[in-house]
Amino acid sequence: MRGLDLSGLKDPEAVAREVLWAHTLGASLAAGWADYGCIAPGARADLTLWEGKRPVGRVYRGNLEIF
C-alpha cells in the first residue's frame, strides 16, 4: 500500500477491511473458487496468489500450493 493516498478517508478501518477482502475472499471469488479465501481455522485457503490476470497458487493451512 506504499504510495496510496489515504488523506481523504473518513474511515481507515473500512479501507483495511476492503484490502483484506480483496486479498482473501475477493481474490478467490475472482479465481472461481467460492469455497476458498477465508481466514479461519480449518478453512481451505487463506490467500490466493495471482500473476497478471490468472491465479497461480494459494496458501493452504500454512502450506504454499503453486500450479
PDB file of N, CA and C in Angstrom:
ATOM      1  N   MET A   1       0.818  -1.190   0.000  1.00  0.00           N
ATOM      2  CA  MET A   1       0.000   0.000   0.000  1.00  0.00           C
ATOM      3  C   MET A   1       0.864   1.257   0.000  1.00  0.00           C
ATOM      4  N   ARG A   2       2.134   1.076  -0.334  1.00  0.00           N
ATOM      5  CA  ARG A   2       3.015   2.240  -0.415  1.00  0.00           C
ATOM      6  C   ARG A   2       2.521   3.203  -1.472  1.00  0.00           C
ATOM      7  N   GLY A   3       2.558   4.469  -1.121  1.00  0.00           N
ATOM      8  CA  GLY A   3       2.167   5.486  -2.082  1.00  0.00           C
ATOM      9  C   GLY A   3       0.674   5.686  -2.188  1.00  0.00           C
ATOM     10  N   LEU A   4      -0.111   4.922  -1.468  1.00  0.00           N
ATOM     11  CA  LEU A   4      -1.560   5.044  -1.516  1.00  0.00           C
ATOM     12  C   LEU A   4      -1.971   6.290  -0.746  1.00  0.00           C
ATOM     13  N   ASP A   5      -2.706   7.171  -1.390  1.00  0.00           N
ATOM     14  CA  ASP A   5      -3.146   8.407  -0.750  1.00  0.00           C
ATOM     15  C   ASP A   5      -4.406   8.137   0.063  1.00  0.00           C
ATOM     16  N   LEU A   6      -4.264   8.144   1.375  1.00  0.00           N
ATOM     17  CA  LEU A   6      -5.381   7.903   2.279  1.00  0.00           C
ATOM     18  C   LEU A   6      -5.864   9.192   2.933  1.00  0.00           C
ATOM     19  N   SER A   7      -5.415  10.341   2.437  1.00  0.00           N
ATOM     20  CA  SER A   7      -5.693  11.610   3.094  1.00  0.00           C
ATOM     21  C   SER A   7      -7.181  11.962   3.148  1.00  0.00           C
ATOM     22  N   GLY A   8      -7.972  11.518   2.199  1.00  0.00           N
ATOM     23  CA  GLY A   8      -9.389  11.875   2.180  1.00  0.00           C
ATOM     24  C   GLY A   8     -10.297  10.873   2.872  1.00  0.00           C
ATOM     25  N   LEU A   9      -9.740   9.887   3.516  1.00  0.00           N
ATOM     26  CA  LEU A   9     -10.565   8.838   4.126  1.00  0.00           C
ATOM     27  C   LEU A   9     -11.204   9.285   5.426  1.00  0.00           C
ATOM     28  N   LYS A  10     -12.459   8.923   5.569  1.00  0.00           N
ATOM     29  CA  LYS A  10     -13.155   9.180   6.825  1.00  0.00           C
ATOM     30  C   LYS A  10     -13.131   7.947   7.719  1.00  0.00           C
ATOM     31  N   ASP A  11     -12.919   6.772   7.111  1.00  0.00           N
ATOM     32  CA  ASP A  11     -12.966   5.524   7.871  1.00  0.00           C
ATOM     33  C   ASP A  11     -11.832   4.592   7.451  1.00  0.00           C
ATOM     34  N   PRO A  12     -10.620   4.777   8.004  1.00  0.00           N
ATOM     35  CA  PRO A  12      -9.488   3.928   7.638  1.00  0.00           C
ATOM     36  C   PRO A  12      -9.742   2.445   7.910  1.00  0.00           C
ATOM     37  N   GLU A  13     -10.545   2.117   8.906  1.00  0.00           N
ATOM     38  CA  GLU A  13     -10.862   0.711   9.186  1.00  0.00           C
ATOM     39  C   GLU A  13     -11.630   0.082   8.030  1.00  0.00           C
ATOM     40  N   ALA A  14     -12.488   0.852   7.381  1.00  0.00           N
ATOM     41  CA  ALA A  14     -13.218   0.342   6.219  1.00  0.00           C
ATOM     42  C   ALA A  14     -12.243   0.013   5.091  1.00  0.00           C
ATOM     43  N   VAL A  15     -11.220   0.829   4.932  1.00  0.00           N
ATOM     44  CA  VAL A  15     -10.207   0.568   3.909  1.00  0.00           C
ATOM     45  C   VAL A  15      -9.452  -0.710   4.250  1.00  0.00           C
ATOM     46  N   ALA A  16      -9.087  -0.886   5.506  1.00  0.00           N
ATOM     47  CA  ALA A  16      -8.378  -2.093   5.931  1.00  0.00           C
ATOM     48  C   ALA A  16      -9.227  -3.330   5.659  1.00  0.00           C
ATOM     49  N   ARG A  17     -10.522  -3.266   5.938  1.00  0.00           N
ATOM     50  CA  ARG A  17     -11.409  -4.411   5.658  1.00  0.00           C
ATOM     51  C   ARG A  17     -11.475  -4.700   4.167  1.00  0.00           C
ATOM     52  N   GLU A  18     -11.549  -3.666   3.352  1.00  0.00           N
ATOM     53  CA  GLU A  18     -11.614  -3.832   1.900  1.00  0.00           C
ATOM     54  C   GLU A  18     -10.325  -4.443   1.349  1.00  0.00           C
ATOM     55  N   VAL A  19      -9.178  -3.989   1.858  1.00  0.00           N
ATOM     56  CA  VAL A  19      -7.885  -4.535   1.424  1.00  0.00           C
ATOM     57  C   VAL A  19      -7.796  -6.012   1.801  1.00  0.00           C
ATOM     58  N   LEU A  20      -8.192  -6.356   3.020  1.00  0.00           N
ATOM     59  CA  LEU A  20      -8.170  -7.753   3.448  1.00  0.00           C
ATOM     60  C   LEU A  20      -9.086  -8.592   2.573  1.00  0.00           C
ATOM     61  N   TRP A  21     -10.293  -8.117   2.309  1.00  0.00           N
ATOM     62  CA  TRP A  21     -11.241  -8.850   1.453  1.00  0.00           C
ATOM     63  C   TRP A  21     -10.662  -9.048   0.048  1.00  0.00           C
ATOM     64  N   ALA A  22     -10.047  -8.008  -0.498  1.00  0.00           N
ATOM     65  CA  ALA A  22      -9.502  -8.086  -1.852  1.00  0.00           C
ATOM     66  C   ALA A  22      -8.394  -9.119  -1.972  1.00  0.00           C
ATOM     67  N   HIS A  23      -7.685  -9.395  -0.884  1.00  0.00           N
ATOM     68  CA  HIS A  23      -6.575 -10.341  -0.923  1.00  0.00           C
ATOM     69  C   HIS A  23      -6.955 -11.738  -0.443  1.00  0.00           C
ATOM     70  N   THR A  24      -8.164 -11.900   0.043  1.00  0.00           N
ATOM     71  CA  THR A  24      -8.596 -13.215   0.538  1.00  0.00           C
ATOM     72  C   THR A  24      -9.811 -13.676  -0.260  1.00  0.00           C
ATOM     73  N   LEU A  25     -10.997 -13.437   0.235  1.00  0.00           N
ATOM     74  CA  LEU A  25     -12.210 -13.911  -0.424  1.00  0.00           C
ATOM     75  C   LEU A  25     -12.412 -13.292  -1.799  1.00  0.00           C
ATOM     76  N   GLY A  26     -12.152 -12.017  -1.941  1.00  0.00           N
ATOM     77  CA  GLY A  26     -12.325 -11.368  -3.248  1.00  0.00           C
ATOM     78  C   GLY A  26     -11.448 -12.000  -4.319  1.00  0.00           C
ATOM     79  N   ALA A  27     -10.199 -12.267  -3.982  1.00  0.00           N
ATOM     80  CA  ALA A  27      -9.280 -12.893  -4.943  1.00  0.00           C
ATOM     81  C   ALA A  27      -9.710 -14.315  -5.264  1.00  0.00           C
ATOM     82  N   SER A  28     -10.196 -15.039  -4.266  1.00  0.00           N
ATOM     83  CA  SER A  28     -10.656 -16.414  -4.502  1.00  0.00           C
ATOM     84  C   SER A  28     -11.901 -16.440  -5.373  1.00  0.00           C
ATOM     85  N   LEU A  29     -12.835 -15.531  -5.119  1.00  0.00           N
ATOM     86  CA  LEU A  29     -14.036 -15.462  -5.954  1.00  0.00           C
ATOM     87  C   LEU A  29     -13.684 -15.121  -7.397  1.00  0.00           C
ATOM     88  N   ALA A  30     -12.718 -14.219  -7.585  1.00  0.00           N
ATOM     89  CA  ALA A  30     -12.288 -13.856  -8.939  1.00  0.00           C
ATOM     90  C   ALA A  30     -11.671 -15.048  -9.663  1.00  0.00           C
ATOM     91  N   ALA A  31     -11.048 -15.957  -8.908  1.00  0.00           N
ATOM     92  CA  ALA A  31     -10.454 -17.159  -9.498  1.00  0.00           C
ATOM     93  C   ALA A  31     -11.495 -18.254  -9.723  1.00  0.00           C
ATOM     94  N   GLY A  32     -12.715 -18.046  -9.229  1.00  0.00           N
ATOM     95  CA  GLY A  32     -13.762 -19.051  -9.379  1.00  0.00           C
ATOM     96  C   GLY A  32     -13.761 -20.071  -8.258  1.00  0.00           C
ATOM     97  N   TRP A  33     -13.118 -19.754  -7.139  1.00  0.00           N
ATOM     98  CA  TRP A  33     -13.016 -20.670  -6.008  1.00  0.00           C
ATOM     99  C   TRP A  33     -13.860 -20.145  -4.847  1.00  0.00           C
ATOM    100  N   ALA A  34     -15.154 -20.317  -4.913  1.00  0.00           N
ATOM    101  CA  ALA A  34     -16.058 -19.770  -3.906  1.00  0.00           C
ATOM    102  C   ALA A  34     -15.836 -20.366  -2.521  1.00  0.00           C
ATOM    103  N   ASP A  35     -15.250 -21.548  -2.441  1.00  0.00           N
ATOM    104  CA  ASP A  35     -15.055 -22.196  -1.142  1.00  0.00           C
ATOM    105  C   ASP A  35     -13.661 -21.957  -0.563  1.00  0.00           C
ATOM    106  N   TYR A  36     -12.930 -20.988  -1.083  1.00  0.00           N
ATOM    107  CA  TYR A  36     -11.611 -20.608  -0.576  1.00  0.00           C
ATOM    108  C   TYR A  36     -11.652 -19.148  -0.127  1.00  0.00           C
ATOM    109  N   GLY A  37     -10.563 -18.680   0.446  1.00  0.00           N
ATOM    110  CA  GLY A  37     -10.425 -17.265   0.749  1.00  0.00           C
ATOM    111  C   GLY A  37     -10.896 -16.835   2.120  1.00  0.00           C
ATOM    112  N   CYS A  38     -11.021 -17.764   3.024  1.00  0.00           N
ATOM    113  CA  CYS A  38     -11.466 -17.441   4.374  1.00  0.00           C
ATOM    114  C   CYS A  38     -10.318 -17.652   5.355  1.00  0.00           C
ATOM    115  N   ILE A  39     -10.046 -16.659   6.169  1.00  0.00           N
ATOM    116  CA  ILE A  39      -9.019 -16.803   7.196  1.00  0.00           C
ATOM    117  C   ILE A  39      -9.719 -17.289   8.461  1.00  0.00           C
ATOM    118  N   ALA A  40      -9.663 -18.585   8.665  1.00  0.00           N
ATOM    119  CA  ALA A  40     -10.315 -19.209   9.821  1.00  0.00           C
ATOM    120  C   ALA A  40      -9.724 -20.599  10.018  1.00  0.00           C
ATOM    121  N   PRO A  41      -9.721 -21.094  11.244  1.00  0.00           N
ATOM    122  CA  PRO A  41      -9.218 -22.449  11.478  1.00  0.00           C
ATOM    123  C   PRO A  41      -9.973 -23.467  10.613  1.00  0.00           C
ATOM    124  N   GLY A  42      -9.225 -24.303   9.918  1.00  0.00           N
ATOM    125  CA  GLY A  42      -9.818 -25.339   9.088  1.00  0.00           C
ATOM    126  C   GLY A  42     -10.280 -24.889   7.721  1.00  0.00           C
ATOM    127  N   ALA A  43     -10.125 -23.615   7.401  1.00  0.00           N
ATOM    128  CA  ALA A  43     -10.538 -23.120   6.090  1.00  0.00           C
ATOM    129  C   ALA A  43      -9.650 -23.710   5.003  1.00  0.00           C
ATOM    130  N   ARG A  44     -10.176 -23.796   3.782  1.00  0.00           N
ATOM    131  CA  ARG A  44      -9.437 -24.421   2.688  1.00  0.00           C
ATOM    132  C   ARG A  44      -8.228 -23.611   2.236  1.00  0.00           C
ATOM    133  N   ALA A  45      -8.330 -22.299   2.161  1.00  0.00           N
ATOM    134  CA  ALA A  45      -7.180 -21.473   1.777  1.00  0.00           C
ATOM    135  C   ALA A  45      -7.369 -20.065   2.322  1.00  0.00           C
ATOM    136  N   ASP A  46      -6.281 -19.487   2.747  1.00  0.00           N
ATOM    137  CA  ASP A  46      -6.333 -18.140   3.291  1.00  0.00           C
ATOM    138  C   ASP A  46      -6.132 -17.078   2.222  1.00  0.00           C
ATOM    139  N   LEU A  47      -5.242 -17.339   1.291  1.00  0.00           N
ATOM    140  CA  LEU A  47      -4.781 -16.312   0.371  1.00  0.00           C
ATOM    141  C   LEU A  47      -4.612 -16.896  -1.023  1.00  0.00           C
ATOM    142  N   THR A  48      -5.117 -16.194  -2.030  1.00  0.00           N
ATOM    143  CA  THR A  48      -4.951 -16.609  -3.415  1.00  0.00           C
ATOM    144  C   THR A  48      -3.857 -15.767  -4.044  1.00  0.00           C
ATOM    145  N   LEU A  49      -2.924 -16.393  -4.732  1.00  0.00           N
ATOM    146  CA  LEU A  49      -1.793 -15.712  -5.367  1.00  0.00           C
ATOM    147  C   LEU A  49      -2.070 -15.527  -6.854  1.00  0.00           C
ATOM    148  N   TRP A  50      -1.840 -14.357  -7.353  1.00  0.00           N
ATOM    149  CA  TRP A  50      -2.086 -14.036  -8.759  1.00  0.00           C
ATOM    150  C   TRP A  50      -0.796 -13.601  -9.432  1.00  0.00           C
ATOM    151  N   GLU A  51      -0.693 -13.915 -10.718  1.00  0.00           N
ATOM    152  CA  GLU A  51       0.370 -13.388 -11.569  1.00  0.00           C
ATOM    153  C   GLU A  51      -0.324 -12.844 -12.802  1.00  0.00           C
ATOM    154  N   GLY A  52      -0.274 -11.544 -12.945  1.00  0.00           N
ATOM    155  CA  GLY A  52      -1.003 -10.927 -14.046  1.00  0.00           C
ATOM    156  C   GLY A  52      -2.494 -11.121 -13.867  1.00  0.00           C
ATOM    157  N   LYS A  53      -3.131 -11.767 -14.836  1.00  0.00           N
ATOM    158  CA  LYS A  53      -4.582 -11.942 -14.791  1.00  0.00           C
ATOM    159  C   LYS A  53      -5.016 -13.361 -14.466  1.00  0.00           C
ATOM    160  N   ARG A  54      -4.114 -14.162 -13.909  1.00  0.00           N
ATOM    161  CA  ARG A  54      -4.505 -15.542 -13.612  1.00  0.00           C
ATOM    162  C   ARG A  54      -4.012 -15.973 -12.234  1.00  0.00           C
ATOM    163  N   PRO A  55      -4.803 -16.784 -11.542  1.00  0.00           N
ATOM    164  CA  PRO A  55      -4.358 -17.302 -10.254  1.00  0.00           C
ATOM    165  C   PRO A  55      -3.257 -18.333 -10.459  1.00  0.00           C
ATOM    166  N   VAL A  56      -2.233 -18.268  -9.613  1.00  0.00           N
ATOM    167  CA  VAL A  56      -1.096 -19.183  -9.764  1.00  0.00           C
ATOM    168  C   VAL A  56      -0.833 -20.016  -8.514  1.00  0.00           C
ATOM    169  N   GLY A  57      -1.581 -19.776  -7.461  1.00  0.00           N
ATOM    170  CA  GLY A  57      -1.372 -20.561  -6.249  1.00  0.00           C
ATOM    171  C   GLY A  57      -2.226 -20.055  -5.109  1.00  0.00           C
ATOM    172  N   ARG A  58      -2.076 -20.740  -3.982  1.00  0.00           N
ATOM    173  CA  ARG A  58      -2.801 -20.323  -2.789  1.00  0.00           C
ATOM    174  C   ARG A  58      -2.076 -20.818  -1.550  1.00  0.00           C
ATOM    175  N   VAL A  59      -2.302 -20.120  -0.456  1.00  0.00           N
ATOM    176  CA  VAL A  59      -1.774 -20.529   0.832  1.00  0.00           C
ATOM    177  C   VAL A  59      -2.865 -21.337   1.499  1.00  0.00           C
ATOM    178  N   TYR A  60      -2.529 -22.563   1.876  1.00  0.00           N
ATOM    179  CA  TYR A  60      -3.500 -23.514   2.382  1.00  0.00           C
ATOM    180  C   TYR A  60      -3.010 -24.086   3.703  1.00  0.00           C
ATOM    181  N   ARG A  61      -3.637 -23.703   4.797  1.00  0.00           N
ATOM    182  CA  ARG A  61      -3.273 -24.218   6.122  1.00  0.00           C
ATOM    183  C   ARG A  61      -1.767 -24.148   6.382  1.00  0.00           C
ATOM    184  N   GLY A  62      -1.181 -23.021   6.047  1.00  0.00           N
ATOM    185  CA  GLY A  62       0.241 -22.818   6.265  1.00  0.00           C
ATOM    186  C   GLY A  62       1.135 -23.371   5.185  1.00  0.00           C
ATOM    187  N   ASN A  63       0.569 -24.000   4.182  1.00  0.00           N
ATOM    188  CA  ASN A  63       1.361 -24.542   3.063  1.00  0.00           C
ATOM    189  C   ASN A  63       1.127 -23.708   1.816  1.00  0.00           C
ATOM    190  N   LEU A  64       2.103 -23.651   0.958  1.00  0.00           N
ATOM    191  CA  LEU A  64       2.004 -22.936  -0.286  1.00  0.00           C
ATOM    192  C   LEU A  64       1.785 -23.934  -1.427  1.00  0.00           C
ATOM    193  N   GLU A  65       0.694 -23.770  -2.150  1.00  0.00           N
ATOM    194  CA  GLU A  65       0.374 -24.633  -3.291  1.00  0.00           C
ATOM    195  C   GLU A  65       0.496 -23.786  -4.561  1.00  0.00           C
ATOM    196  N   ILE A  66       1.426 -24.116  -5.440  1.00  0.00           N
ATOM    197  CA  ILE A  66       1.645 -23.405  -6.697  1.00  0.00           C
ATOM    198  C   ILE A  66       1.236 -24.318  -7.849  1.00  0.00           C
ATOM    199  N   PHE A  67       0.569 -23.731  -8.842  1.00  0.00           N
ATOM    200  CA  PHE A  67       0.217 -24.521 -10.034  1.00  0.00           C
ATOM    201  C   PHE A  67       0.567 -23.774 -11.289  1.00  0.00           C
TER     202      PHE A  67
END
